[in-house]
Amino acid sequence: MDSAEIQKLVALEDRHWWYRERRALLGRHLRRLAGPAGTALDIGAAGGGNTRVLQQHGWKPVAVEYGHDGATAAKQRKLPTVRGDGRRLPIKSGSIDLVLAFDVLEHIDDDEGVVAEMNRVLRPGGSALITVPCDMKLWSAHDVAVGHLRRYTRDSLRTAIENGGLHIERLWSWNVLLRPAAATVRKRSTSSDLRKMNPIVNAALSAVIVSERFLPVQSLPGVSLMVQAVRGK
């Protein structure tokens, strides 16, 4: 993701419906993880929005960010931050309890190599939480603008994670209810859809995405895929 998109993300993520609900989703899954909070790695952290969620839930996180702008923003938020490449993490093997990679794999040519690095730094039995955009039918100018190389199917995501050495515990869809709207908007898109929104529209979209918490839609096609995986013992 280029500098301009990173700067937009940092400026908007605290209020934007998509990022707010994704942080809420992360918080719910952190509460469900077995065992006490420990060390965590947030790969592709950008400005550290998700790193802050890890801190709030008692984890000791490090934000790993490749780009200068994202790493600078994370440091300005007083978050432990290192510049690093997901394919060559500057982290000791077997030293991390939880790895987070939210919308990272689609940006990197060697996605299996990134998963292998996640597997390497995790302690035996450690967990990984991963999200990616799904379905090439939704490919648009937005994907090009934010530096995506691909969108995933369930099968292609499963292959990348398993070939990287992690064991999938759960794989599900997210942003299901708004998929028809996303497909329509992106057919007409000419750039990234990350922009400041009308507060009323932002609230309406937030209400829709929040309702997914209570509906059995996670097996249906969505805009994103999410995975909980583990390193074998």
Protein backbone atom coordinates (compact mmCIF):
# COMPACT_ATOMS: atom_id res chain seq x y z
CA MET A 1 0.00 0.00 0.00
CA ASP A 2 1.47 3.34 -1.00
CA SER A 3 2.13 6.33 1.25
CA ALA A 4 -1.06 8.20 0.33
CA GLU A 5 -3.30 5.23 1.17
CA ILE A 6 -1.51 4.63 4.47
CA GLN A 7 -2.02 8.26 5.44
CA LYS A 8 -5.74 8.06 4.57
CA LEU A 9 -6.08 4.87 6.61
CA VAL A 10 -4.43 6.40 9.68
CA ALA A 11 -6.62 9.51 9.43
CA LEU A 12 -9.90 7.65 9.00
CA GLU A 13 -9.67 4.28 10.75
CA ASP A 14 -10.90 5.43 14.17
CA ARG A 15 -14.27 6.50 12.72
CA HIS A 16 -14.70 4.45 9.53
CA TRP A 17 -17.40 1.75 9.87
CA TRP A 18 -15.30 -1.02 8.30
CA TYR A 19 -12.24 -0.55 10.50
CA ARG A 20 -14.30 -0.02 13.65
CA GLU A 21 -16.20 -3.27 13.23
CA ARG A 22 -13.07 -5.18 12.29
CA ARG A 23 -11.44 -3.99 15.54
CA ALA A 24 -14.56 -5.08 17.44
CA LEU A 25 -14.36 -8.46 15.75
CA LEU A 26 -10.71 -8.77 16.75
CA GLY A 27 -11.59 -7.93 20.34
CA ARG A 28 -14.24 -10.65 20.48
CA HIS A 29 -11.83 -13.28 19.19
CA LEU A 30 -9.12 -12.22 21.61
CA ARG A 31 -11.55 -12.81 24.46
CA ARG A 32 -12.25 -16.31 23.15
CA LEU A 33 -8.64 -17.42 22.86
CA ALA A 34 -7.62 -20.00 25.43
CA GLY A 35 -4.99 -19.13 28.00
CA PRO A 36 -3.65 -15.82 29.28
CA ALA A 37 -2.62 -12.93 27.04
CA GLY A 38 1.06 -13.03 26.12
CA THR A 39 3.32 -11.72 23.38
CA ALA A 40 1.76 -10.71 20.07
CA LEU A 41 2.93 -9.59 16.64
CA ASP A 42 0.80 -7.36 14.41
CA ILE A 43 2.21 -7.87 10.90
CA GLY A 44 1.43 -5.13 8.42
CA ALA A 45 0.24 -2.96 11.28
CA ALA A 46 0.08 0.30 9.30
CA GLY A 47 -0.65 2.94 11.96
CA GLY A 48 -1.26 0.37 14.67
CA GLY A 49 -5.06 0.43 14.97
CA ASN A 50 -5.19 -3.29 15.67
CA THR A 51 -2.04 -3.17 17.79
CA ARG A 52 -3.93 -0.89 20.17
CA VAL A 53 -6.71 -3.47 20.44
CA LEU A 54 -4.13 -6.09 21.41
CA GLN A 55 -2.82 -3.77 24.13
CA GLN A 56 -6.32 -3.06 25.42
CA HIS A 57 -6.87 -6.80 25.88
CA GLY A 58 -3.72 -7.30 27.91
CA TRP A 59 -1.35 -8.50 25.20
CA LYS A 60 2.26 -7.33 24.83
CA PRO A 61 2.25 -6.49 21.11
CA VAL A 62 4.79 -5.29 18.61
CA ALA A 63 3.63 -3.54 15.44
CA VAL A 64 5.62 -4.73 12.41
CA GLU A 65 5.28 -2.36 9.46
CA TYR A 66 7.23 -2.30 6.20
CA GLY A 67 6.42 1.26 5.19
CA HIS A 68 7.85 4.45 6.69
CA ASP A 69 4.52 6.28 7.06
CA GLY A 70 2.73 3.49 8.86
CA ALA A 71 5.65 2.78 11.18
CA THR A 72 5.96 6.48 11.99
CA ALA A 73 2.24 6.73 12.80
CA ALA A 74 2.43 3.66 15.06
CA LYS A 75 5.42 5.11 16.91
CA GLN A 76 3.60 8.43 17.33
CA ARG A 77 0.82 6.45 19.01
CA LYS A 78 3.45 5.21 21.51
CA LEU A 79 3.23 1.64 20.24
CA PRO A 80 6.22 -0.74 20.23
CA THR A 81 7.11 -0.72 16.54
CA VAL A 82 9.70 -2.23 14.23
CA ARG A 83 10.23 -1.77 10.50
CA GLY A 84 10.13 -5.23 8.95
CA ASP A 85 9.20 -7.40 5.99
CA GLY A 86 6.62 -10.13 6.56
CA ARG A 87 8.77 -12.52 4.54
CA ARG A 88 11.76 -11.99 6.85
CA LEU A 89 10.46 -11.08 10.28
CA PRO A 90 13.11 -9.64 12.65
CA ILE A 91 11.77 -11.82 15.46
CA LYS A 92 13.26 -14.81 17.28
CA SER A 93 11.84 -18.22 16.37
CA GLY A 94 9.25 -19.69 18.73
CA SER A 95 8.95 -16.50 20.78
CA ILE A 96 5.42 -15.25 20.02
CA ASP A 97 2.05 -16.39 21.41
CA LEU A 98 -0.19 -14.71 18.83
CA VAL A 99 0.35 -13.38 15.32
CA LEU A 100 -2.06 -11.02 13.61
CA ALA A 101 -2.05 -10.45 9.84
CA PHE A 102 -5.12 -8.44 8.86
CA ASP A 103 -5.26 -7.76 5.12
CA VAL A 104 -1.60 -8.47 4.55
CA LEU A 105 -1.22 -11.64 2.46
CA GLU A 106 -2.91 -10.17 -0.61
CA HIS A 107 -0.17 -7.51 -0.85
CA ILE A 108 2.78 -9.92 -1.00
CA ASP A 109 3.86 -12.12 -3.89
CA ASP A 110 5.07 -14.97 -1.67
CA ASP A 111 2.06 -15.32 0.61
CA GLU A 112 3.04 -18.85 1.63
CA GLY A 113 6.45 -17.49 2.69
CA VAL A 114 4.74 -14.98 4.98
CA VAL A 115 2.68 -17.75 6.57
CA ALA A 116 5.85 -19.82 7.00
CA GLU A 117 7.42 -16.88 8.84
CA MET A 118 4.35 -16.61 11.04
CA ASN A 119 4.70 -20.31 11.79
CA ARG A 120 8.40 -19.86 12.57
CA VAL A 121 7.99 -17.06 15.12
CA LEU A 122 5.00 -18.65 16.89
CA ARG A 123 5.63 -20.86 19.86
CA PRO A 124 4.24 -24.41 19.55
CA GLY A 125 0.48 -24.12 20.07
CA GLY A 126 0.51 -20.38 19.33
CA SER A 127 -2.35 -18.83 17.38
CA ALA A 128 -2.69 -16.76 14.21
CA LEU A 129 -5.59 -14.56 13.16
CA ILE A 130 -5.64 -13.71 9.46
CA THR A 131 -7.97 -11.75 7.18
CA VAL A 132 -7.90 -11.34 3.40
CA PRO A 133 -10.20 -9.93 0.70
CA CYS A 134 -12.07 -12.65 -1.14
CA ASP A 135 -13.32 -13.49 -4.63
CA MET A 136 -11.76 -12.18 -7.84
CA LYS A 137 -15.30 -11.39 -9.02
CA LEU A 138 -15.00 -8.35 -6.74
CA TRP A 139 -11.69 -7.23 -8.27
CA SER A 140 -11.77 -3.52 -9.06
CA ALA A 141 -9.80 -0.30 -9.26
CA HIS A 142 -9.88 -0.28 -5.46
CA ASP A 143 -7.69 -3.41 -5.36
CA VAL A 144 -5.22 -1.84 -7.76
CA ALA A 145 -5.10 1.43 -5.81
CA VAL A 146 -4.34 -0.24 -2.48
CA GLY A 147 -1.74 -2.64 -3.91
CA HIS A 148 -3.56 -5.96 -3.89
CA LEU A 149 -2.04 -8.76 -5.95
CA ARG A 150 -5.00 -11.12 -5.56
CA ARG A 151 -8.30 -11.83 -3.85
CA TYR A 152 -8.77 -15.28 -2.32
CA THR A 153 -11.19 -18.17 -2.49
CA ARG A 154 -11.62 -20.40 0.53
CA ASP A 155 -9.55 -23.05 -1.22
CA SER A 156 -6.69 -20.75 -2.23
CA LEU A 157 -6.51 -19.27 1.26
CA ARG A 158 -6.56 -22.71 2.84
CA THR A 159 -3.74 -23.81 0.51
CA ALA A 160 -1.55 -20.79 1.35
CA ILE A 161 -1.99 -21.26 5.09
CA GLU A 162 -1.49 -25.01 5.15
CA ASN A 163 1.50 -24.87 2.79
CA GLY A 164 2.99 -22.29 5.15
CA GLY A 165 2.77 -24.81 7.98
CA LEU A 166 -0.17 -23.56 10.06
CA HIS A 167 -3.20 -25.68 10.93
CA ILE A 168 -6.59 -24.08 10.31
CA GLU A 169 -9.04 -24.23 13.20
CA ARG A 170 -11.74 -22.08 11.63
CA LEU A 171 -12.33 -20.28 8.32
CA TRP A 172 -15.34 -18.02 7.75
CA SER A 173 -16.74 -15.09 5.76
CA TRP A 174 -17.13 -11.51 6.92
CA ASN A 175 -18.92 -8.47 5.45
CA VAL A 176 -21.54 -10.74 3.90
CA LEU A 177 -24.62 -8.52 4.03
CA LEU A 178 -22.93 -5.64 2.22
CA ARG A 179 -21.40 -7.80 -0.52
CA PRO A 180 -24.07 -6.85 -3.14
CA ALA A 181 -23.53 -3.16 -2.43
CA ALA A 182 -19.75 -3.57 -2.54
CA ALA A 183 -19.96 -5.38 -5.88
CA THR A 184 -22.10 -2.59 -7.36
CA VAL A 185 -19.93 0.25 -6.07
CA ARG A 186 -16.69 -1.35 -7.17
CA LYS A 187 -17.89 -1.93 -10.72
CA ARG A 188 -17.95 1.87 -11.01
CA SER A 189 -14.86 2.59 -8.93
CA THR A 190 -11.83 4.35 -10.38
CA SER A 191 -9.70 4.49 -7.21
CA SER A 192 -9.55 3.33 -3.60
CA ASP A 193 -12.88 3.39 -1.74
CA LEU A 194 -11.16 4.53 1.46
CA ARG A 195 -12.40 8.08 1.96
CA LYS A 196 -14.14 10.28 4.51
CA MET A 197 -17.82 9.39 4.62
CA ASN A 198 -21.02 11.24 5.38
CA PRO A 199 -21.70 10.50 9.08
CA ILE A 200 -25.23 9.26 8.33
CA VAL A 201 -23.99 6.84 5.67
CA ASN A 202 -21.17 5.73 7.95
CA ALA A 203 -23.66 5.02 10.76
CA ALA A 204 -26.00 3.11 8.43
CA LEU A 205 -23.21 0.89 7.09
CA SER A 206 -21.98 0.33 10.62
CA ALA A 207 -25.45 -0.83 11.70
CA VAL A 208 -25.56 -3.35 8.86
CA ILE A 209 -22.12 -4.81 9.49
CA VAL A 210 -22.73 -4.99 13.27
CA SER A 211 -25.91 -7.03 12.65
CA GLU A 212 -23.74 -9.83 11.24
CA ARG A 213 -22.67 -10.60 14.80
CA PHE A 214 -26.12 -12.03 15.42
CA LEU A 215 -26.89 -13.73 12.09
CA PRO A 216 -25.81 -17.15 10.75
CA VAL A 217 -24.17 -15.79 7.59
CA GLN A 218 -20.52 -16.75 8.05
CA SER A 219 -20.68 -19.65 5.57
CA LEU A 220 -22.07 -17.41 2.80
CA PRO A 221 -19.97 -15.44 0.28
CA GLY A 222 -18.71 -12.16 1.70
CA VAL A 223 -16.19 -9.44 0.90
CA SER A 224 -13.53 -10.81 3.29
CA LEU A 225 -12.37 -14.15 4.65
CA MET A 226 -11.11 -14.71 8.17
CA VAL A 227 -9.04 -17.54 9.59
CA GLN A 228 -8.03 -18.71 13.03
CA ALA A 229 -5.02 -21.02 12.77
CA VAL A 230 -2.46 -22.56 15.09
CA ARG A 231 1.12 -23.75 15.01
CA GLY A 232 1.36 -27.47 15.71
CA LYS A 233 2.88 -28.62 18.98
